[in-house]
Amino acid sequence: MHLRPSTRDMERGIEWGPDLVLVDVRSFDVAAGSALIGPLCRAGLRVCVIDVAGDDCRSTAWLRAGPSALVDENEPFDQLFRTIARLLRIGSQPKTERKLSASLASTPAHEHRESRLELSAILTEREQVVLAELMEGHNAEEIAKAGYVSISTVRSQIKAILQKLGVNSQLAAVAIARRTGWSLDRPPENSPKPSSSHRRRIS
């Protein structure tokens, strides 16, 4: 179904209940794009947003709206195809096999606590520290420098996070954590106290 950005068409699309919604926001400003994405996500639909990469303000706005994935229009078509296939596969998995991937869909408020607990159960303590750093906007090199570890170690931890959450980008992983209200409540055992900048050491 192809929908125009009108309230009536949006309501019709939500009522139809598709397995996946592709939203091309390249021609929209932040306010208009968020007005499209937000209602679909709040309705519990799985949403994949297509946009031009490179504008952090736009990417942040889309993440706040709660999509399941962000795709750069300049990526090869097979990348978009793989993202769509992954999102549809998650939707068809039995609940017991979904793990945290179920939170790729918009999570109702009363389920946030359960999702937070599930995320903490899936990730190791070190992976949770790395995820918290990603949520603060730090890249792999910055995380490695702050934790006195090699960048390859951090990249391996990020790769593990993406695999466990069933996503293929750091933005999507951060989106899951934010949507479920997850945060690193305490530093891992046997790790030093956070510095004044609230950075936590990792190893």
N, C-alpha and C. Protein backbone atom coordinates (compact mmCIF):
# COMPACT_ATOMS: atom_id res chain seq x y z
N MET A 1 0.85 -1.18 0.00
CA MET A 1 0.00 0.00 0.00
C MET A 1 0.89 1.24 0.00
N HIS A 2 0.59 2.18 -0.88
CA HIS A 2 1.33 3.44 -0.93
C HIS A 2 0.48 4.53 -0.30
N LEU A 3 1.04 5.19 0.70
CA LEU A 3 0.29 6.21 1.44
C LEU A 3 0.85 7.59 1.20
N ARG A 4 -0.03 8.54 1.06
CA ARG A 4 0.38 9.94 1.00
C ARG A 4 0.46 10.47 2.44
N PRO A 5 1.27 11.51 2.64
CA PRO A 5 1.42 12.07 4.00
C PRO A 5 0.22 12.89 4.45
N SER A 6 -0.91 12.25 4.51
CA SER A 6 -2.13 12.93 4.98
C SER A 6 -2.67 12.16 6.17
N THR A 7 -3.38 12.85 7.03
CA THR A 7 -3.93 12.21 8.23
C THR A 7 -4.84 11.05 7.87
N ARG A 8 -5.67 11.23 6.86
CA ARG A 8 -6.60 10.17 6.47
C ARG A 8 -5.87 8.93 5.97
N ASP A 9 -4.86 9.15 5.12
CA ASP A 9 -4.10 8.01 4.61
C ASP A 9 -3.31 7.33 5.72
N MET A 10 -2.76 8.11 6.64
CA MET A 10 -2.01 7.54 7.76
C MET A 10 -2.91 6.65 8.60
N GLU A 11 -4.11 7.12 8.90
CA GLU A 11 -5.06 6.34 9.69
C GLU A 11 -5.44 5.06 8.96
N ARG A 12 -5.60 5.16 7.64
CA ARG A 12 -5.94 3.98 6.84
C ARG A 12 -4.80 2.97 6.88
N GLY A 13 -3.57 3.46 6.79
CA GLY A 13 -2.42 2.56 6.83
C GLY A 13 -2.26 1.88 8.18
N ILE A 14 -2.47 2.62 9.25
CA ILE A 14 -2.37 2.05 10.59
C ILE A 14 -3.45 0.99 10.79
N GLU A 15 -4.65 1.28 10.31
CA GLU A 15 -5.75 0.31 10.44
C GLU A 15 -5.45 -0.96 9.66
N TRP A 16 -4.78 -0.83 8.54
CA TRP A 16 -4.43 -1.99 7.72
C TRP A 16 -3.44 -2.89 8.45
N GLY A 17 -2.57 -2.31 9.28
CA GLY A 17 -1.64 -3.09 10.09
C GLY A 17 -0.58 -3.83 9.30
N PRO A 18 0.24 -3.14 8.50
CA PRO A 18 1.28 -3.82 7.71
C PRO A 18 2.38 -4.39 8.59
N ASP A 19 3.10 -5.39 8.06
CA ASP A 19 4.23 -5.97 8.78
C ASP A 19 5.41 -5.02 8.82
N LEU A 20 5.51 -4.14 7.84
CA LEU A 20 6.61 -3.20 7.77
C LEU A 20 6.20 -1.97 6.98
N VAL A 21 6.64 -0.80 7.46
CA VAL A 21 6.36 0.46 6.77
C VAL A 21 7.68 1.10 6.37
N LEU A 22 7.83 1.44 5.09
CA LEU A 22 9.00 2.16 4.60
C LEU A 22 8.62 3.63 4.48
N VAL A 23 9.39 4.49 5.14
CA VAL A 23 9.11 5.92 5.11
C VAL A 23 10.31 6.65 4.51
N ASP A 24 10.12 7.24 3.33
CA ASP A 24 11.17 7.99 2.65
C ASP A 24 11.04 9.46 3.06
N VAL A 25 11.94 9.93 3.91
CA VAL A 25 11.83 11.29 4.43
C VAL A 25 12.80 12.26 3.75
N ARG A 26 13.38 11.86 2.63
CA ARG A 26 14.39 12.70 1.98
C ARG A 26 13.87 14.07 1.58
N SER A 27 12.58 14.15 1.25
CA SER A 27 12.03 15.42 0.79
C SER A 27 11.31 16.18 1.90
N PHE A 28 11.40 15.69 3.14
CA PHE A 28 10.71 16.32 4.26
C PHE A 28 11.69 16.99 5.21
N ASP A 29 11.22 18.05 5.87
CA ASP A 29 12.03 18.64 6.93
C ASP A 29 11.81 17.81 8.19
N VAL A 30 12.53 18.15 9.26
CA VAL A 30 12.47 17.36 10.49
C VAL A 30 11.06 17.30 11.07
N ALA A 31 10.37 18.42 11.11
CA ALA A 31 9.04 18.45 11.70
C ALA A 31 8.07 17.58 10.92
N ALA A 32 8.08 17.71 9.59
CA ALA A 32 7.15 16.93 8.76
C ALA A 32 7.50 15.45 8.80
N GLY A 33 8.81 15.13 8.77
CA GLY A 33 9.21 13.73 8.82
C GLY A 33 8.84 13.08 10.13
N SER A 34 9.05 13.79 11.23
CA SER A 34 8.69 13.25 12.54
C SER A 34 7.20 13.04 12.67
N ALA A 35 6.42 13.93 12.03
CA ALA A 35 4.96 13.81 12.07
C ALA A 35 4.50 12.57 11.33
N LEU A 36 5.30 12.10 10.39
CA LEU A 36 4.97 10.87 9.66
C LEU A 36 5.38 9.64 10.45
N ILE A 37 6.61 9.67 10.97
CA ILE A 37 7.16 8.50 11.65
C ILE A 37 6.51 8.25 13.01
N GLY A 38 6.34 9.30 13.78
CA GLY A 38 5.85 9.17 15.15
C GLY A 38 4.55 8.39 15.30
N PRO A 39 3.48 8.78 14.58
CA PRO A 39 2.21 8.07 14.74
C PRO A 39 2.30 6.59 14.37
N LEU A 40 3.10 6.28 13.35
CA LEU A 40 3.24 4.89 12.92
C LEU A 40 3.93 4.06 14.01
N CYS A 41 4.99 4.63 14.60
CA CYS A 41 5.71 3.92 15.66
C CYS A 41 4.85 3.77 16.91
N ARG A 42 4.13 4.83 17.26
CA ARG A 42 3.27 4.77 18.45
C ARG A 42 2.14 3.77 18.28
N ALA A 43 1.78 3.50 17.02
CA ALA A 43 0.73 2.51 16.75
C ALA A 43 1.28 1.09 16.83
N GLY A 44 2.59 0.95 17.06
CA GLY A 44 3.19 -0.37 17.20
C GLY A 44 3.66 -0.99 15.90
N LEU A 45 3.72 -0.20 14.83
CA LEU A 45 4.16 -0.72 13.54
C LEU A 45 5.68 -0.70 13.44
N ARG A 46 6.23 -1.63 12.69
CA ARG A 46 7.67 -1.68 12.45
C ARG A 46 7.97 -0.72 11.30
N VAL A 47 8.83 0.26 11.55
CA VAL A 47 9.08 1.33 10.58
C VAL A 47 10.55 1.39 10.19
N CYS A 48 10.82 1.47 8.88
CA CYS A 48 12.17 1.64 8.36
C CYS A 48 12.22 2.99 7.66
N VAL A 49 13.13 3.85 8.10
CA VAL A 49 13.23 5.20 7.56
C VAL A 49 14.39 5.29 6.57
N ILE A 50 14.14 5.91 5.42
CA ILE A 50 15.16 6.10 4.39
C ILE A 50 15.47 7.59 4.31
N ASP A 51 16.75 7.93 4.41
CA ASP A 51 17.14 9.33 4.36
C ASP A 51 18.58 9.43 3.87
N VAL A 52 19.03 10.65 3.63
CA VAL A 52 20.41 10.88 3.24
C VAL A 52 21.26 10.98 4.51
N ALA A 53 22.31 10.20 4.59
CA ALA A 53 23.16 10.21 5.78
C ALA A 53 24.00 11.48 5.82
N GLY A 54 24.51 11.80 6.99
CA GLY A 54 25.41 12.93 7.12
C GLY A 54 24.87 14.08 7.93
N ASP A 55 23.57 14.08 8.20
CA ASP A 55 22.97 15.15 8.98
C ASP A 55 22.58 14.58 10.34
N ASP A 56 23.41 14.83 11.35
CA ASP A 56 23.18 14.26 12.67
C ASP A 56 21.88 14.74 13.29
N CYS A 57 21.50 15.98 13.01
CA CYS A 57 20.26 16.52 13.57
C CYS A 57 19.05 15.76 13.06
N ARG A 58 19.05 15.47 11.77
CA ARG A 58 17.93 14.70 11.20
C ARG A 58 17.92 13.27 11.74
N SER A 59 19.09 12.63 11.78
CA SER A 59 19.16 11.26 12.28
C SER A 59 18.68 11.18 13.72
N THR A 60 19.07 12.14 14.54
CA THR A 60 18.65 12.17 15.94
C THR A 60 17.14 12.33 16.04
N ALA A 61 16.57 13.18 15.19
CA ALA A 61 15.12 13.40 15.20
C ALA A 61 14.38 12.13 14.83
N TRP A 62 14.89 11.40 13.85
CA TRP A 62 14.22 10.14 13.46
C TRP A 62 14.32 9.12 14.58
N LEU A 63 15.47 9.02 15.24
CA LEU A 63 15.63 8.07 16.33
C LEU A 63 14.66 8.37 17.46
N ARG A 64 14.47 9.64 17.76
CA ARG A 64 13.53 10.02 18.81
C ARG A 64 12.11 9.64 18.46
N ALA A 65 11.81 9.63 17.17
CA ALA A 65 10.46 9.25 16.74
C ALA A 65 10.22 7.76 16.92
N GLY A 66 11.30 6.96 16.99
CA GLY A 66 11.18 5.54 17.32
C GLY A 66 11.12 4.54 16.19
N PRO A 67 11.80 4.76 15.03
CA PRO A 67 11.75 3.75 13.97
C PRO A 67 12.56 2.51 14.32
N SER A 68 12.31 1.44 13.59
CA SER A 68 13.05 0.20 13.82
C SER A 68 14.42 0.22 13.17
N ALA A 69 14.56 0.98 12.09
CA ALA A 69 15.84 1.04 11.38
C ALA A 69 15.94 2.32 10.57
N LEU A 70 17.19 2.76 10.36
CA LEU A 70 17.49 3.90 9.50
C LEU A 70 18.36 3.40 8.37
N VAL A 71 18.05 3.79 7.13
CA VAL A 71 18.82 3.34 5.98
C VAL A 71 19.28 4.54 5.18
N ASP A 72 20.56 4.58 4.85
CA ASP A 72 21.13 5.66 4.04
C ASP A 72 20.77 5.40 2.58
N GLU A 73 20.23 6.41 1.91
CA GLU A 73 19.82 6.24 0.52
C GLU A 73 20.99 5.89 -0.39
N ASN A 74 22.21 6.23 0.02
CA ASN A 74 23.38 5.96 -0.80
C ASN A 74 23.93 4.55 -0.62
N GLU A 75 23.39 3.80 0.32
CA GLU A 75 23.82 2.42 0.50
C GLU A 75 23.32 1.57 -0.68
N PRO A 76 24.02 0.50 -1.00
CA PRO A 76 23.58 -0.38 -2.09
C PRO A 76 22.18 -0.90 -1.82
N PHE A 77 21.45 -1.18 -2.90
CA PHE A 77 20.08 -1.66 -2.74
C PHE A 77 20.02 -2.94 -1.94
N ASP A 78 21.03 -3.80 -2.08
CA ASP A 78 20.99 -5.06 -1.34
C ASP A 78 21.05 -4.84 0.16
N GLN A 79 21.64 -3.71 0.59
CA GLN A 79 21.66 -3.39 2.01
C GLN A 79 20.24 -3.08 2.50
N LEU A 80 19.50 -2.31 1.72
CA LEU A 80 18.11 -2.02 2.05
C LEU A 80 17.30 -3.32 2.06
N PHE A 81 17.56 -4.17 1.08
CA PHE A 81 16.84 -5.44 1.01
C PHE A 81 17.11 -6.30 2.24
N ARG A 82 18.39 -6.34 2.67
CA ARG A 82 18.73 -7.14 3.85
C ARG A 82 18.07 -6.57 5.10
N THR A 83 18.02 -5.25 5.19
CA THR A 83 17.37 -4.63 6.35
C THR A 83 15.89 -4.98 6.38
N ILE A 84 15.23 -4.89 5.23
CA ILE A 84 13.81 -5.23 5.16
C ILE A 84 13.59 -6.69 5.52
N ALA A 85 14.43 -7.56 4.97
CA ALA A 85 14.30 -9.00 5.24
C ALA A 85 14.48 -9.28 6.73
N ARG A 86 15.46 -8.60 7.35
CA ARG A 86 15.70 -8.82 8.78
C ARG A 86 14.50 -8.38 9.61
N LEU A 87 13.95 -7.22 9.30
CA LEU A 87 12.81 -6.72 10.06
C LEU A 87 11.59 -7.63 9.90
N LEU A 88 11.38 -8.13 8.70
CA LEU A 88 10.26 -9.05 8.47
C LEU A 88 10.50 -10.38 9.16
N ARG A 89 11.75 -10.83 9.18
CA ARG A 89 12.08 -12.09 9.85
C ARG A 89 11.85 -11.98 11.34
N ILE A 90 12.20 -10.84 11.92
CA ILE A 90 11.98 -10.63 13.35
C ILE A 90 10.49 -10.71 13.66
N GLY A 91 9.68 -10.14 12.77
CA GLY A 91 8.24 -10.15 12.99
C GLY A 91 7.63 -11.53 12.92
N SER A 92 8.31 -12.45 12.20
CA SER A 92 7.75 -13.79 12.05
C SER A 92 8.30 -14.79 13.06
N GLN A 93 9.30 -14.38 13.86
CA GLN A 93 9.90 -15.29 14.83
C GLN A 93 8.95 -15.53 16.00
N PRO A 94 9.00 -16.75 16.58
CA PRO A 94 8.25 -17.01 17.81
C PRO A 94 8.73 -16.07 18.90
N LYS A 95 7.88 -15.75 19.82
CA LYS A 95 8.22 -14.80 20.88
C LYS A 95 9.43 -15.24 21.67
N THR A 96 9.57 -16.55 21.88
CA THR A 96 10.67 -17.04 22.69
C THR A 96 12.01 -16.87 21.99
N GLU A 97 12.00 -16.67 20.66
CA GLU A 97 13.24 -16.55 19.91
C GLU A 97 13.58 -15.11 19.58
N ARG A 98 12.70 -14.22 19.88
CA ARG A 98 12.91 -12.84 19.46
C ARG A 98 13.93 -12.11 20.31
N LYS A 99 14.04 -12.50 21.58
CA LYS A 99 14.89 -11.80 22.54
C LYS A 99 14.54 -10.32 22.50
N LEU A 100 15.56 -9.48 22.49
CA LEU A 100 15.28 -8.05 22.53
C LEU A 100 14.84 -7.51 21.19
N SER A 101 14.95 -8.29 20.12
CA SER A 101 14.55 -7.81 18.81
C SER A 101 13.09 -7.41 18.79
N ALA A 102 12.30 -7.96 19.69
CA ALA A 102 10.90 -7.60 19.77
C ALA A 102 10.73 -6.11 20.06
N SER A 103 11.70 -5.52 20.71
CA SER A 103 11.59 -4.11 21.06
C SER A 103 11.89 -3.21 19.87
N LEU A 104 12.21 -3.79 18.72
CA LEU A 104 12.35 -2.99 17.51
C LEU A 104 11.02 -2.34 17.16
N ALA A 105 9.93 -3.01 17.52
CA ALA A 105 8.62 -2.39 17.36
C ALA A 105 8.42 -1.43 18.53
N SER A 106 7.58 -0.44 18.36
CA SER A 106 7.35 0.53 19.42
C SER A 106 6.81 -0.17 20.65
N THR A 107 7.45 0.06 21.79
CA THR A 107 7.10 -0.63 23.02
C THR A 107 6.15 0.19 23.87
N PRO A 108 4.98 -0.35 24.24
CA PRO A 108 4.07 0.39 25.11
C PRO A 108 4.73 0.71 26.44
N ALA A 109 4.30 1.79 27.07
CA ALA A 109 4.92 2.26 28.30
C ALA A 109 4.93 1.20 29.39
N HIS A 110 3.84 0.41 29.49
CA HIS A 110 3.77 -0.56 30.58
C HIS A 110 4.72 -1.73 30.38
N GLU A 111 5.34 -1.84 29.16
CA GLU A 111 6.28 -2.92 28.91
C GLU A 111 7.73 -2.45 28.99
N HIS A 112 7.97 -1.17 29.22
CA HIS A 112 9.33 -0.65 29.22
C HIS A 112 10.21 -1.31 30.26
N ARG A 113 9.69 -1.53 31.45
CA ARG A 113 10.51 -2.10 32.52
C ARG A 113 10.97 -3.50 32.13
N GLU A 114 10.09 -4.30 31.56
CA GLU A 114 10.45 -5.66 31.16
C GLU A 114 11.52 -5.62 30.07
N SER A 115 11.39 -4.67 29.11
CA SER A 115 12.36 -4.56 28.04
C SER A 115 13.72 -4.17 28.57
N ARG A 116 13.75 -3.27 29.56
CA ARG A 116 15.02 -2.86 30.14
C ARG A 116 15.72 -4.05 30.78
N LEU A 117 14.94 -4.85 31.50
CA LEU A 117 15.52 -6.02 32.16
C LEU A 117 16.03 -7.01 31.13
N GLU A 118 15.30 -7.15 30.02
CA GLU A 118 15.70 -8.10 28.99
C GLU A 118 17.00 -7.67 28.33
N LEU A 119 17.15 -6.39 28.07
CA LEU A 119 18.38 -5.88 27.47
C LEU A 119 19.56 -6.14 28.38
N SER A 120 19.39 -5.90 29.66
CA SER A 120 20.47 -6.12 30.62
C SER A 120 20.83 -7.60 30.71
N ALA A 121 19.85 -8.46 30.48
CA ALA A 121 20.11 -9.90 30.55
C ALA A 121 20.85 -10.39 29.31
N ILE A 122 20.61 -9.75 28.17
CA ILE A 122 21.22 -10.18 26.92
C ILE A 122 22.68 -9.75 26.81
N LEU A 123 22.97 -8.53 27.23
CA LEU A 123 24.31 -7.99 27.06
C LEU A 123 25.18 -8.25 28.29
N THR A 124 26.47 -8.47 28.05
CA THR A 124 27.40 -8.60 29.16
C THR A 124 27.59 -7.23 29.80
N GLU A 125 28.22 -7.21 30.95
CA GLU A 125 28.44 -5.93 31.64
C GLU A 125 29.28 -4.99 30.78
N ARG A 126 30.31 -5.52 30.13
CA ARG A 126 31.17 -4.69 29.29
C ARG A 126 30.40 -4.16 28.09
N GLU A 127 29.56 -5.00 27.51
CA GLU A 127 28.77 -4.56 26.36
C GLU A 127 27.77 -3.47 26.77
N GLN A 128 27.26 -3.58 27.97
CA GLN A 128 26.35 -2.54 28.46
C GLN A 128 27.08 -1.21 28.62
N VAL A 129 28.33 -1.26 29.07
CA VAL A 129 29.12 -0.04 29.22
C VAL A 129 29.33 0.61 27.84
N VAL A 130 29.67 -0.22 26.86
CA VAL A 130 29.90 0.29 25.51
C VAL A 130 28.61 0.88 24.94
N LEU A 131 27.49 0.21 25.15
CA LEU A 131 26.21 0.72 24.66
C LEU A 131 25.90 2.07 25.30
N ALA A 132 26.17 2.20 26.59
CA ALA A 132 25.93 3.46 27.28
C ALA A 132 26.79 4.57 26.67
N GLU A 133 28.03 4.24 26.31
CA GLU A 133 28.91 5.22 25.67
C GLU A 133 28.37 5.62 24.30
N LEU A 134 27.87 4.66 23.55
CA LEU A 134 27.29 4.96 22.24
C LEU A 134 26.09 5.88 22.37
N MET A 135 25.31 5.67 23.42
CA MET A 135 24.14 6.50 23.66
C MET A 135 24.53 7.95 23.95
N GLU A 136 25.75 8.13 24.47
CA GLU A 136 26.24 9.47 24.76
C GLU A 136 26.90 10.11 23.55
N GLY A 137 26.92 9.39 22.43
CA GLY A 137 27.47 9.95 21.20
C GLY A 137 28.95 9.70 20.97
N HIS A 138 29.56 8.81 21.77
CA HIS A 138 30.99 8.53 21.62
C HIS A 138 31.21 7.44 20.57
N ASN A 139 32.26 7.61 19.76
CA ASN A 139 32.56 6.60 18.76
C ASN A 139 33.53 5.57 19.33
N ALA A 140 33.84 4.55 18.52
CA ALA A 140 34.67 3.44 18.99
C ALA A 140 36.05 3.92 19.44
N GLU A 141 36.63 4.84 18.70
CA GLU A 141 37.97 5.33 19.04
C GLU A 141 37.96 6.05 20.39
N GLU A 142 36.94 6.85 20.64
CA GLU A 142 36.84 7.57 21.91
C GLU A 142 36.62 6.60 23.06
N ILE A 143 35.79 5.60 22.84
CA ILE A 143 35.52 4.61 23.89
C ILE A 143 36.78 3.84 24.22
N ALA A 144 37.53 3.46 23.18
CA ALA A 144 38.77 2.72 23.40
C ALA A 144 39.78 3.56 24.18
N LYS A 145 39.91 4.82 23.82
CA LYS A 145 40.86 5.70 24.50
C LYS A 145 40.49 5.90 25.96
N ALA A 146 39.20 6.08 26.24
CA ALA A 146 38.76 6.29 27.62
C ALA A 146 38.93 5.03 28.45
N GLY A 147 38.80 3.87 27.82
CA GLY A 147 38.89 2.61 28.57
C GLY A 147 40.25 1.97 28.56
N TYR A 148 41.22 2.61 27.89
CA TYR A 148 42.58 2.08 27.83
C TYR A 148 42.62 0.68 27.22
N VAL A 149 41.85 0.50 26.14
CA VAL A 149 41.83 -0.77 25.43
C VAL A 149 42.02 -0.49 23.95
N SER A 150 42.25 -1.54 23.18
CA SER A 150 42.44 -1.35 21.75
C SER A 150 41.11 -1.08 21.07
N ILE A 151 41.16 -0.38 19.95
CA ILE A 151 39.94 -0.08 19.22
C ILE A 151 39.31 -1.35 18.66
N SER A 152 40.15 -2.36 18.36
CA SER A 152 39.62 -3.63 17.85
C SER A 152 38.77 -4.32 18.91
N THR A 153 39.15 -4.17 20.19
CA THR A 153 38.36 -4.74 21.28
C THR A 153 36.99 -4.09 21.34
N VAL A 154 36.97 -2.77 21.24
CA VAL A 154 35.70 -2.05 21.29
C VAL A 154 34.84 -2.40 20.08
N ARG A 155 35.45 -2.49 18.92
CA ARG A 155 34.69 -2.84 17.71
C ARG A 155 34.08 -4.23 17.84
N SER A 156 34.83 -5.14 18.46
CA SER A 156 34.29 -6.50 18.67
C SER A 156 33.10 -6.46 19.61
N GLN A 157 33.19 -5.62 20.64
CA GLN A 157 32.08 -5.49 21.59
C GLN A 157 30.86 -4.86 20.92
N ILE A 158 31.10 -3.87 20.06
CA ILE A 158 29.99 -3.25 19.34
C ILE A 158 29.33 -4.26 18.40
N LYS A 159 30.16 -5.05 17.72
CA LYS A 159 29.63 -6.08 16.82
C LYS A 159 28.76 -7.07 17.59
N ALA A 160 29.21 -7.44 18.78
CA ALA A 160 28.43 -8.38 19.61
C ALA A 160 27.10 -7.76 20.02
N ILE A 161 27.12 -6.47 20.35
CA ILE A 161 25.89 -5.77 20.73
C ILE A 161 24.89 -5.80 19.58
N LEU A 162 25.36 -5.47 18.38
CA LEU A 162 24.47 -5.44 17.22
C LEU A 162 23.88 -6.82 16.93
N GLN A 163 24.72 -7.84 17.05
CA GLN A 163 24.24 -9.20 16.79
C GLN A 163 23.19 -9.62 17.81
N LYS A 164 23.42 -9.31 19.07
CA LYS A 164 22.48 -9.72 20.12
C LYS A 164 21.16 -8.96 20.04
N LEU A 165 21.21 -7.71 19.56
CA LEU A 165 19.99 -6.93 19.46
C LEU A 165 19.30 -7.13 18.11
N GLY A 166 19.96 -7.85 17.21
CA GLY A 166 19.36 -8.13 15.92
C GLY A 166 19.29 -6.92 15.00
N VAL A 167 20.27 -6.03 15.10
CA VAL A 167 20.30 -4.84 14.25
C VAL A 167 21.63 -4.77 13.52
N ASN A 168 21.72 -3.88 12.51
CA ASN A 168 22.96 -3.80 11.75
C ASN A 168 23.60 -2.42 11.79
N SER A 169 23.20 -1.60 12.74
CA SER A 169 23.83 -0.28 12.87
C SER A 169 23.81 0.16 14.33
N GLN A 170 24.79 1.00 14.68
CA GLN A 170 24.86 1.52 16.03
C GLN A 170 23.67 2.42 16.33
N LEU A 171 23.20 3.14 15.32
CA LEU A 171 22.04 4.01 15.51
C LEU A 171 20.81 3.20 15.92
N ALA A 172 20.64 2.04 15.28
CA ALA A 172 19.49 1.20 15.61
C ALA A 172 19.61 0.65 17.03
N ALA A 173 20.83 0.28 17.44
CA ALA A 173 21.04 -0.22 18.80
C ALA A 173 20.72 0.86 19.83
N VAL A 174 21.18 2.07 19.55
CA VAL A 174 20.89 3.19 20.45
C VAL A 174 19.39 3.47 20.49
N ALA A 175 18.74 3.35 19.33
CA ALA A 175 17.29 3.58 19.27
C ALA A 175 16.55 2.61 20.17
N ILE A 176 16.96 1.34 20.16
CA ILE A 176 16.33 0.33 21.02
C ILE A 176 16.49 0.70 22.48
N ALA A 177 17.72 1.05 22.86
CA ALA A 177 17.99 1.38 24.26
C ALA A 177 17.17 2.58 24.71
N ARG A 178 17.09 3.59 23.86
CA ARG A 178 16.34 4.79 24.23
C ARG A 178 14.85 4.52 24.28
N ARG A 179 14.36 3.73 23.32
CA ARG A 179 12.92 3.47 23.27
C ARG A 179 12.44 2.68 24.48
N THR A 180 13.29 1.79 24.96
CA THR A 180 12.90 0.99 26.12
C THR A 180 13.23 1.68 27.44
N GLY A 181 13.85 2.85 27.37
CA GLY A 181 14.20 3.57 28.59
C GLY A 181 15.39 2.98 29.32
N TRP A 182 16.21 2.19 28.60
CA TRP A 182 17.35 1.54 29.25
C TRP A 182 18.44 2.55 29.55
N SER A 183 19.17 2.32 30.65
CA SER A 183 20.35 3.11 30.97
C SER A 183 21.25 2.25 31.84
N LEU A 184 22.51 2.63 31.86
CA LEU A 184 23.47 1.90 32.69
C LEU A 184 23.36 2.45 34.10
N ASP A 185 22.62 1.76 34.95
CA ASP A 185 22.34 2.25 36.30
C ASP A 185 23.56 2.23 37.20
N ARG A 186 24.46 1.30 36.94
CA ARG A 186 25.65 1.21 37.78
C ARG A 186 26.81 0.68 36.95
N PRO A 187 28.05 1.03 37.31
CA PRO A 187 29.20 0.52 36.58
C PRO A 187 29.39 -0.96 36.86
N PRO A 188 30.01 -1.71 35.95
CA PRO A 188 30.25 -3.14 36.16
C PRO A 188 31.07 -3.37 37.42
N GLU A 189 30.93 -4.56 37.98
CA GLU A 189 31.69 -4.89 39.18
C GLU A 189 33.19 -4.86 38.87
N ASN A 190 33.97 -4.45 39.87
CA ASN A 190 35.42 -4.39 39.76
C ASN A 190 35.93 -3.36 38.75
N SER A 191 35.07 -2.41 38.36
CA SER A 191 35.54 -1.37 37.45
C SER A 191 35.70 -0.08 38.23
N PRO A 192 36.58 0.81 37.78
CA PRO A 192 36.80 2.06 38.51
C PRO A 192 35.57 2.95 38.45
N LYS A 193 35.52 3.90 39.36
CA LYS A 193 34.40 4.82 39.38
C LYS A 193 34.48 5.73 38.16
N PRO A 194 33.31 6.22 37.68
CA PRO A 194 33.31 7.10 36.52
C PRO A 194 34.11 8.36 36.82
N SER A 195 34.73 8.90 35.77
CA SER A 195 35.46 10.15 35.91
C SER A 195 34.48 11.30 35.93
N SER A 196 34.99 12.51 36.03
CA SER A 196 34.12 13.68 36.10
C SER A 196 33.27 13.84 34.87
N SER A 197 33.72 13.25 33.74
CA SER A 197 32.95 13.37 32.50
C SER A 197 31.95 12.24 32.36
N HIS A 198 31.83 11.41 33.42
CA HIS A 198 30.88 10.30 33.47
C HIS A 198 31.26 9.18 32.50
N ARG A 199 32.53 9.14 32.07
CA ARG A 199 32.97 8.07 31.21
C ARG A 199 33.35 6.89 32.09
N ARG A 200 33.07 5.67 31.67
CA ARG A 200 33.36 4.48 32.45
C ARG A 200 34.46 3.68 31.76
N ARG A 201 35.36 3.16 32.55
CA ARG A 201 36.45 2.38 31.99
C ARG A 201 35.93 1.02 31.54
N ILE A 202 36.43 0.57 30.40
CA ILE A 202 36.05 -0.75 29.88
C ILE A 202 37.30 -1.55 29.60
N SER A 203 37.14 -2.85 29.51
CA SER A 203 38.27 -3.69 29.17
C SER A 203 37.78 -4.89 28.40
